[in-house]
């Protein structure tokens, strides 16, 4: 989980990383965003 939070925070500054993420990452992202919004940035995941 900690590594995914780091990757998502890096993706905030490098949006080109988003298409490289696996499909299940979207589910993990929404869960982390709901439970820890102070650690997980808003990203345009699922909009591709």
PDB file of N, CA and C in Angstrom:
ATOM      1  N   UNK A   1       0.824  -1.180   0.000  1.00  0.00           N
ATOM      2  CA  UNK A   1       0.000   0.000   0.000  1.00  0.00           C
ATOM      3  C   UNK A   1       0.869   1.244   0.000  1.00  0.00           C
ATOM      4  N   UNK A   2       1.943   1.241   0.780  1.00  0.00           N
ATOM      5  CA  UNK A   2       2.810   2.419   0.854  1.00  0.00           C
ATOM      6  C   UNK A   2       3.460   2.716  -0.486  1.00  0.00           C
ATOM      7  N   UNK A   3       3.847   1.665  -1.189  1.00  0.00           N
ATOM      8  CA  UNK A   3       4.485   1.865  -2.492  1.00  0.00           C
ATOM      9  C   UNK A   3       3.485   2.454  -3.480  1.00  0.00           C
ATOM     10  N   UNK A   4       2.250   1.983  -3.438  1.00  0.00           N
ATOM     11  CA  UNK A   4       1.232   2.512  -4.341  1.00  0.00           C
ATOM     12  C   UNK A   4       0.971   3.984  -4.057  1.00  0.00           C
ATOM     13  N   UNK A   5       0.948   4.378  -2.813  1.00  0.00           N
ATOM     14  CA  UNK A   5       0.762   5.790  -2.469  1.00  0.00           C
ATOM     15  C   UNK A   5       1.912   6.617  -3.032  1.00  0.00           C
ATOM     16  N   UNK A   6       3.127   6.099  -2.950  1.00  0.00           N
ATOM     17  CA  UNK A   6       4.274   6.806  -3.527  1.00  0.00           C
ATOM     18  C   UNK A   6       4.148   6.919  -5.043  1.00  0.00           C
ATOM     19  N   UNK A   7       3.722   5.848  -5.690  1.00  0.00           N
ATOM     20  CA  UNK A   7       3.557   5.865  -7.146  1.00  0.00           C
ATOM     21  C   UNK A   7       2.465   6.849  -7.551  1.00  0.00           C
ATOM     22  N   UNK A   8       1.361   6.867  -6.817  1.00  0.00           N
ATOM     23  CA  UNK A   8       0.274   7.789  -7.136  1.00  0.00           C
ATOM     24  C   UNK A   8       0.692   9.240  -6.925  1.00  0.00           C
ATOM     25  N   UNK A   9       1.473   9.498  -5.908  1.00  0.00           N
ATOM     26  CA  UNK A   9       1.972  10.855  -5.697  1.00  0.00           C
ATOM     27  C   UNK A   9       2.949  11.258  -6.799  1.00  0.00           C
ATOM     28  N   UNK A  10       3.738  10.320  -7.293  1.00  0.00           N
ATOM     29  CA  UNK A  10       4.636  10.609  -8.416  1.00  0.00           C
ATOM     30  C   UNK A  10       3.831  10.862  -9.687  1.00  0.00           C
ATOM     31  N   UNK A  11       2.739  10.123  -9.861  1.00  0.00           N
ATOM     32  CA  UNK A  11       1.900  10.288 -11.046  1.00  0.00           C
ATOM     33  C   UNK A  11       1.231  11.654 -11.075  1.00  0.00           C
ATOM     34  N   UNK A  12       1.098  12.273  -9.931  1.00  0.00           N
ATOM     35  CA  UNK A  12       0.528  13.620  -9.869  1.00  0.00           C
ATOM     36  C   UNK A  12       1.401  14.596 -10.662  1.00  0.00           C
ATOM     37  N   UNK A  13       2.692  14.355 -10.693  1.00  0.00           N
ATOM     38  CA  UNK A  13       3.632  15.240 -11.377  1.00  0.00           C
ATOM     39  C   UNK A  13       4.039  14.716 -12.751  1.00  0.00           C
ATOM     40  N   UNK A  14       3.682  13.483 -13.050  1.00  0.00           N
ATOM     41  CA  UNK A  14       4.021  12.861 -14.336  1.00  0.00           C
ATOM     42  C   UNK A  14       2.800  12.075 -14.818  1.00  0.00           C
ATOM     43  N   UNK A  15       1.851  12.788 -15.396  1.00  0.00           N
ATOM     44  CA  UNK A  15       0.565  12.204 -15.790  1.00  0.00           C
ATOM     45  C   UNK A  15       0.740  11.079 -16.818  1.00  0.00           C
ATOM     46  N   UNK A  16       1.848  11.073 -17.539  1.00  0.00           N
ATOM     47  CA  UNK A  16       2.053  10.025 -18.545  1.00  0.00           C
ATOM     48  C   UNK A  16       2.202   8.642 -17.921  1.00  0.00           C
ATOM     49  N   UNK A  17       2.356   8.573 -16.606  1.00  0.00           N
ATOM     50  CA  UNK A  17       2.433   7.282 -15.912  1.00  0.00           C
ATOM     51  C   UNK A  17       1.074   6.590 -15.832  1.00  0.00           C
ATOM     52  N   UNK A  18       0.005   7.356 -15.855  1.00  0.00           N
ATOM     53  CA  UNK A  18      -1.326   6.799 -15.604  1.00  0.00           C
ATOM     54  C   UNK A  18      -1.732   5.685 -16.564  1.00  0.00           C
ATOM     55  N   UNK A  19      -1.525   5.811 -17.867  1.00  0.00           N
ATOM     56  CA  UNK A  19      -1.916   4.696 -18.755  1.00  0.00           C
ATOM     57  C   UNK A  19      -1.104   3.421 -18.520  1.00  0.00           C
ATOM     58  N   UNK A  20       0.010   3.533 -17.838  1.00  0.00           N
ATOM     59  CA  UNK A  20       0.851   2.365 -17.580  1.00  0.00           C
ATOM     60  C   UNK A  20       0.389   1.556 -16.372  1.00  0.00           C
ATOM     61  N   UNK A  21      -0.514   2.109 -15.579  1.00  0.00           N
ATOM     62  CA  UNK A  21      -0.989   1.423 -14.381  1.00  0.00           C
ATOM     63  C   UNK A  21      -1.946   0.292 -14.757  1.00  0.00           C
ATOM     64  N   UNK A  22      -1.939  -0.760 -13.973  1.00  0.00           N
ATOM     65  CA  UNK A  22      -2.832  -1.900 -14.197  1.00  0.00           C
ATOM     66  C   UNK A  22      -4.280  -1.505 -13.892  1.00  0.00           C
ATOM     67  N   UNK A  23      -5.232  -2.271 -14.426  1.00  0.00           N
ATOM     68  CA  UNK A  23      -6.654  -1.968 -14.236  1.00  0.00           C
ATOM     69  C   UNK A  23      -7.070  -2.013 -12.767  1.00  0.00           C
ATOM     70  N   UNK A  24      -6.551  -2.978 -12.019  1.00  0.00           N
ATOM     71  CA  UNK A  24      -6.941  -3.093 -10.615  1.00  0.00           C
ATOM     72  C   UNK A  24      -6.436  -1.915  -9.777  1.00  0.00           C
ATOM     73  N   UNK A  25      -5.505  -1.156 -10.314  1.00  0.00           N
ATOM     74  CA  UNK A  25      -4.984   0.001  -9.591  1.00  0.00           C
ATOM     75  C   UNK A  25      -6.073   1.047  -9.383  1.00  0.00           C
ATOM     76  N   UNK A  26      -7.017   1.136 -10.302  1.00  0.00           N
ATOM     77  CA  UNK A  26      -8.117   2.102 -10.167  1.00  0.00           C
ATOM     78  C   UNK A  26      -8.944   1.792  -8.925  1.00  0.00           C
ATOM     79  N   UNK A  27      -9.212   0.520  -8.684  1.00  0.00           N
ATOM     80  CA  UNK A  27      -9.970   0.142  -7.487  1.00  0.00           C
ATOM     81  C   UNK A  27      -9.194   0.478  -6.222  1.00  0.00           C
ATOM     82  N   UNK A  28      -7.917   0.183  -6.238  1.00  0.00           N
ATOM     83  CA  UNK A  28      -7.083   0.515  -5.079  1.00  0.00           C
ATOM     84  C   UNK A  28      -7.004   2.029  -4.894  1.00  0.00           C
ATOM     85  N   UNK A  29      -6.900   2.751  -6.010  1.00  0.00           N
ATOM     86  CA  UNK A  29      -6.830   4.210  -5.944  1.00  0.00           C
ATOM     87  C   UNK A  29      -8.089   4.789  -5.309  1.00  0.00           C
ATOM     88  N   UNK A  30      -9.258   4.337  -5.742  1.00  0.00           N
ATOM     89  CA  UNK A  30     -10.497   4.887  -5.188  1.00  0.00           C
ATOM     90  C   UNK A  30     -10.631   4.566  -3.704  1.00  0.00           C
ATOM     91  N   UNK A  31     -10.220   3.370  -3.312  1.00  0.00           N
ATOM     92  CA  UNK A  31     -10.263   3.012  -1.890  1.00  0.00           C
ATOM     93  C   UNK A  31      -9.319   3.900  -1.086  1.00  0.00           C
ATOM     94  N   UNK A  32      -8.088   4.030  -1.556  1.00  0.00           N
ATOM     95  CA  UNK A  32      -7.113   4.859  -0.840  1.00  0.00           C
ATOM     96  C   UNK A  32      -7.544   6.320  -0.819  1.00  0.00           C
ATOM     97  N   UNK A  33      -8.095   6.796  -1.916  1.00  0.00           N
ATOM     98  CA  UNK A  33      -8.548   8.196  -1.993  1.00  0.00           C
ATOM     99  C   UNK A  33      -9.688   8.439  -0.998  1.00  0.00           C
ATOM    100  N   UNK A  34     -10.569   7.458  -0.834  1.00  0.00           N
ATOM    101  CA  UNK A  34     -11.685   7.597   0.107  1.00  0.00           C
ATOM    102  C   UNK A  34     -11.232   7.505   1.558  1.00  0.00           C
ATOM    103  N   UNK A  35     -10.274   6.634   1.830  1.00  0.00           N
ATOM    104  CA  UNK A  35      -9.868   6.414   3.218  1.00  0.00           C
ATOM    105  C   UNK A  35      -8.749   7.335   3.684  1.00  0.00           C
ATOM    106  N   UNK A  36      -7.897   7.755   2.759  1.00  0.00           N
ATOM    107  CA  UNK A  36      -6.755   8.613   3.130  1.00  0.00           C
ATOM    108  C   UNK A  36      -6.584   9.760   2.131  1.00  0.00           C
ATOM    109  N   UNK A  37      -7.555  10.655   2.031  1.00  0.00           N
ATOM    110  CA  UNK A  37      -7.462  11.720   1.019  1.00  0.00           C
ATOM    111  C   UNK A  37      -6.305  12.686   1.257  1.00  0.00           C
ATOM    112  N   UNK A  38      -5.803  12.727   2.477  1.00  0.00           N
ATOM    113  CA  UNK A  38      -4.680  13.623   2.764  1.00  0.00           C
ATOM    114  C   UNK A  38      -3.358  13.064   2.239  1.00  0.00           C
ATOM    115  N   UNK A  39      -3.321  11.781   1.881  1.00  0.00           N
ATOM    116  CA  UNK A  39      -2.098  11.156   1.370  1.00  0.00           C
ATOM    117  C   UNK A  39      -2.138  10.869  -0.128  1.00  0.00           C
ATOM    118  N   UNK A  40      -3.343  10.767  -0.686  1.00  0.00           N
ATOM    119  CA  UNK A  40      -3.494  10.374  -2.088  1.00  0.00           C
ATOM    120  C   UNK A  40      -4.039  11.561  -2.880  1.00  0.00           C
ATOM    121  N   UNK A  41      -3.312  12.007  -3.902  1.00  0.00           N
ATOM    122  CA  UNK A  41      -3.758  13.167  -4.677  1.00  0.00           C
ATOM    123  C   UNK A  41      -4.914  12.822  -5.617  1.00  0.00           C
ATOM    124  N   UNK A  42      -5.632  13.848  -6.039  1.00  0.00           N
ATOM    125  CA  UNK A  42      -6.675  13.649  -7.049  1.00  0.00           C
ATOM    126  C   UNK A  42      -5.992  13.457  -8.397  1.00  0.00           C
ATOM    127  N   UNK A  43      -6.345  12.379  -9.073  1.00  0.00           N
ATOM    128  CA  UNK A  43      -5.778  12.067 -10.380  1.00  0.00           C
ATOM    129  C   UNK A  43      -6.906  11.761 -11.358  1.00  0.00           C
ATOM    130  N   UNK A  44      -6.684  12.022 -12.635  1.00  0.00           N
ATOM    131  CA  UNK A  44      -7.717  11.695 -13.631  1.00  0.00           C
ATOM    132  C   UNK A  44      -7.696  10.213 -14.002  1.00  0.00           C
ATOM    133  N   UNK A  45      -7.743   9.345 -13.004  1.00  0.00           N
ATOM    134  CA  UNK A  45      -7.750   7.892 -13.244  1.00  0.00           C
ATOM    135  C   UNK A  45      -9.166   7.470 -13.607  1.00  0.00           C
ATOM    136  N   UNK A  46      -9.271   6.613 -14.603  1.00  0.00           N
ATOM    137  CA  UNK A  46     -10.573   6.153 -15.050  1.00  0.00           C
ATOM    138  C   UNK A  46     -11.175   7.046 -16.111  1.00  0.00           C
ATOM    139  N   UNK A  47     -10.475   8.090 -16.479  1.00  0.00           N
ATOM    140  CA  UNK A  47     -10.966   9.009 -17.503  1.00  0.00           C
ATOM    141  C   UNK A  47     -10.359   8.704 -18.861  1.00  0.00           C
ATOM    142  N   UNK A  48      -9.561   7.646 -18.940  1.00  0.00           N
ATOM    143  CA  UNK A  48      -8.915   7.287 -20.210  1.00  0.00           C
ATOM    144  C   UNK A  48      -9.731   6.260 -20.937  1.00  0.00           C
TER     145      UNK A  48
END
